[in-house]
Amino acid sequence: MATSERLTALIEPIAQREGFELVRVRLTGSAHKTLQVMAERPDGTMDVDDCAQLSRAISEMLDVEDPIAEDYDLEVSSPGIDRPLTRPKDFARYAGHKVKIELVSPDTQGRRRYSVDIASADANSVTLALSADERLTIPFSAIGDAKLVLTDKLIEESRAWRNGAKH
């Protein structure tokens, strides 16, 4: 069985060659597998034609390498507006926005889940704004899953960005 890490190692050079950055590679399902590839251009865009282009390039490699023994479907998509946050630069880019974070294991307060604003992020950790005067810094290695929460602020920023404004 191919792991997500092995699949990422196979797919990443293809994505880069085609002009995309990988956001996430995930193999899901039990009876029937789905290989989910989320990617975007360096400017954050990803349209239907981009998905088709990347899908064709990845399919060619998968046909040759055959890293997944079981039957599977390949799904190539953009991360979307309420995207998963998987890279330090994603957390930094969306500082000030609400995120749902699930930790790999409970923190010192016994919590595994947070739904709070991102205060800041650097190459090693993300700082969450628990309240107006309370912050919690979490190393990226402790984060199991993170996803932006769809809010009016995120929608407005996304509209402004699509109309030519910068993040």
Protein backbone atom coordinates (compact mmCIF):
# COMPACT_ATOMS: atom_id res chain seq x y z
CA MET A 1 0.00 0.00 0.00
CA ALA A 2 1.33 3.40 -0.94
CA THR A 3 1.54 6.00 1.79
CA SER A 4 0.56 9.64 1.43
CA GLU A 5 4.22 10.57 1.98
CA ARG A 6 5.38 8.28 -0.85
CA LEU A 7 2.61 9.55 -3.11
CA THR A 8 3.52 13.15 -2.28
CA ALA A 9 7.16 12.42 -3.16
CA LEU A 10 6.03 11.06 -6.55
CA ILE A 11 3.48 13.81 -7.28
CA GLU A 12 5.30 16.93 -6.04
CA PRO A 13 7.93 17.11 -8.82
CA ILE A 14 5.18 16.71 -11.43
CA ALA A 15 3.10 19.47 -9.85
CA GLN A 16 6.13 21.77 -9.74
CA ARG A 17 7.01 20.99 -13.37
CA GLU A 18 3.43 21.91 -14.35
CA GLY A 19 3.60 25.18 -12.36
CA PHE A 20 1.62 24.17 -9.25
CA GLU A 21 2.24 23.88 -5.52
CA LEU A 22 0.83 20.89 -3.65
CA VAL A 23 -1.47 21.71 -0.77
CA ARG A 24 -2.35 18.15 0.23
CA VAL A 25 -2.13 14.57 -1.02
CA ARG A 26 -4.41 12.07 0.67
CA LEU A 27 -5.34 8.45 -0.03
CA THR A 28 -8.74 7.67 1.49
CA GLY A 29 -11.34 4.91 1.46
CA SER A 30 -11.32 1.26 2.37
CA ALA A 31 -13.32 -0.75 -0.18
CA HIS A 32 -12.51 1.70 -2.96
CA LYS A 33 -9.68 4.22 -2.69
CA THR A 34 -9.60 7.87 -3.72
CA LEU A 35 -6.31 9.64 -4.30
CA GLN A 36 -7.08 13.27 -3.51
CA VAL A 37 -4.60 15.87 -4.77
CA MET A 38 -5.15 19.52 -3.82
CA ALA A 39 -2.95 22.04 -5.57
CA GLU A 40 -2.80 25.66 -6.64
CA ARG A 41 -0.66 28.02 -8.67
CA PRO A 42 1.83 30.10 -6.66
CA ASP A 43 -0.63 33.02 -6.84
CA GLY A 44 -3.32 30.90 -5.15
CA THR A 45 -5.45 30.26 -8.25
CA MET A 46 -6.58 26.91 -9.63
CA ASP A 47 -9.28 26.62 -12.27
CA VAL A 48 -10.91 23.64 -14.01
CA ASP A 49 -8.38 23.67 -16.86
CA ASP A 50 -5.53 23.67 -14.33
CA CYS A 51 -7.09 20.66 -12.56
CA ALA A 52 -7.37 18.79 -15.88
CA GLN A 53 -3.77 19.64 -16.81
CA LEU A 54 -2.39 18.42 -13.50
CA SER A 55 -4.63 15.36 -13.50
CA ARG A 56 -3.31 14.26 -16.91
CA ALA A 57 0.30 14.74 -15.82
CA ILE A 58 -0.20 12.81 -12.57
CA SER A 59 -2.12 10.03 -14.34
CA GLU A 60 0.80 9.47 -16.73
CA MET A 61 3.17 8.99 -13.79
CA LEU A 62 0.72 6.75 -11.90
CA ASP A 63 0.34 4.51 -14.96
CA VAL A 64 4.12 4.02 -15.08
CA GLU A 65 4.94 3.85 -11.35
CA ASP A 66 1.74 2.01 -10.28
CA PRO A 67 2.19 2.92 -6.58
CA ILE A 68 -1.36 1.94 -5.49
CA ALA A 69 -2.15 -1.77 -5.63
CA GLU A 70 -5.91 -1.41 -5.21
CA ASP A 71 -8.44 0.18 -7.57
CA TYR A 72 -8.69 3.92 -6.99
CA ASP A 73 -9.99 7.17 -8.41
CA LEU A 74 -7.76 10.22 -8.90
CA GLU A 75 -9.33 13.49 -7.78
CA VAL A 76 -7.46 16.73 -8.49
CA SER A 77 -8.94 19.94 -7.07
CA SER A 78 -8.26 23.39 -5.74
CA PRO A 79 -8.19 23.75 -1.97
CA GLY A 80 -11.26 26.03 -2.06
CA ILE A 81 -12.09 29.03 0.08
CA ASP A 82 -12.43 27.08 3.35
CA ARG A 83 -9.22 25.26 2.56
CA PRO A 84 -7.12 22.93 4.62
CA LEU A 85 -4.02 24.58 6.04
CA THR A 86 -1.08 22.25 5.58
CA ARG A 87 2.01 24.43 5.18
CA PRO A 88 3.50 27.11 7.44
CA LYS A 89 2.96 29.70 4.69
CA ASP A 90 -0.78 28.85 4.65
CA PHE A 91 -1.09 29.69 8.34
CA ALA A 92 0.90 32.92 7.89
CA ARG A 93 -1.16 33.94 4.85
CA TYR A 94 -4.43 33.52 6.75
CA ALA A 95 -3.39 35.17 10.03
CA GLY A 96 -6.42 36.98 11.44
CA HIS A 97 -8.83 34.34 10.10
CA LYS A 98 -10.72 31.67 12.01
CA VAL A 99 -9.39 28.12 11.83
CA LYS A 100 -10.46 24.73 13.17
CA ILE A 101 -7.44 22.83 14.42
CA GLU A 102 -7.27 19.26 15.66
CA LEU A 103 -4.10 18.29 17.48
CA VAL A 104 -2.42 14.91 17.13
CA SER A 105 -2.76 14.43 20.90
CA PRO A 106 -4.27 16.51 23.72
CA ASP A 107 -2.33 19.58 24.84
CA THR A 108 -1.39 20.37 28.46
CA GLN A 109 -4.98 21.52 29.13
CA GLY A 110 -6.34 18.23 27.75
CA ARG A 111 -7.76 19.82 24.59
CA ARG A 112 -7.42 18.42 21.09
CA ARG A 113 -9.68 20.80 19.16
CA TYR A 114 -9.68 24.55 18.75
CA SER A 115 -11.82 26.89 16.68
CA VAL A 116 -10.09 30.26 17.00
CA ASP A 117 -8.33 32.99 15.03
CA ILE A 118 -4.77 32.59 13.84
CA ALA A 119 -2.69 35.30 15.53
CA SER A 120 0.55 34.57 13.66
CA ALA A 121 2.74 31.82 12.26
CA ASP A 122 6.39 31.23 11.50
CA ALA A 123 8.31 28.33 9.97
CA ASN A 124 7.91 26.14 13.07
CA SER A 125 4.64 27.01 14.82
CA VAL A 126 1.30 28.76 14.76
CA THR A 127 0.05 31.11 17.48
CA LEU A 128 -3.68 31.04 18.17
CA ALA A 129 -5.68 33.90 19.66
CA LEU A 130 -7.68 32.14 22.39
CA SER A 131 -9.03 35.48 23.61
CA ALA A 132 -8.17 39.17 23.34
CA ASP A 133 -5.25 38.72 25.74
CA GLU A 134 -4.48 34.98 25.66
CA ARG A 135 -2.31 33.25 23.05
CA LEU A 136 -1.33 29.63 22.53
CA THR A 137 1.64 28.64 20.37
CA ILE A 138 1.55 25.17 18.84
CA PRO A 139 4.35 23.50 16.89
CA PHE A 140 3.29 22.36 13.41
CA SER A 141 4.29 18.81 14.30
CA ALA A 142 1.47 18.75 16.91
CA ILE A 143 -1.24 19.62 14.35
CA GLY A 144 -3.16 16.69 12.91
CA ASP A 145 -5.63 18.66 10.81
CA ALA A 146 -6.41 22.33 10.22
CA LYS A 147 -9.01 24.02 8.05
CA LEU A 148 -10.18 27.59 7.53
CA VAL A 149 -13.68 28.37 8.75
CA LEU A 150 -15.94 30.04 6.19
CA THR A 151 -16.66 33.51 7.56
CA ASP A 152 -17.86 36.80 6.08
CA LYS A 153 -14.32 38.19 6.51
CA LEU A 154 -12.84 35.28 4.52
CA ILE A 155 -15.45 35.66 1.78
CA GLU A 156 -14.81 39.41 1.48
CA GLU A 157 -11.05 38.91 1.37
CA SER A 158 -11.45 36.22 -1.27
CA ARG A 159 -13.60 38.52 -3.42
CA ALA A 160 -11.09 41.36 -3.09
CA TRP A 161 -8.25 39.02 -4.00
CA ARG A 162 -10.08 37.72 -7.09
CA ASN A 163 -10.66 41.33 -8.15
CA GLY A 164 -6.94 42.06 -8.08
CA ALA A 165 -6.21 43.03 -4.48
CA LYS A 166 -3.44 41.25 -2.60
CA HIS A 167 -3.85 39.15 0.54
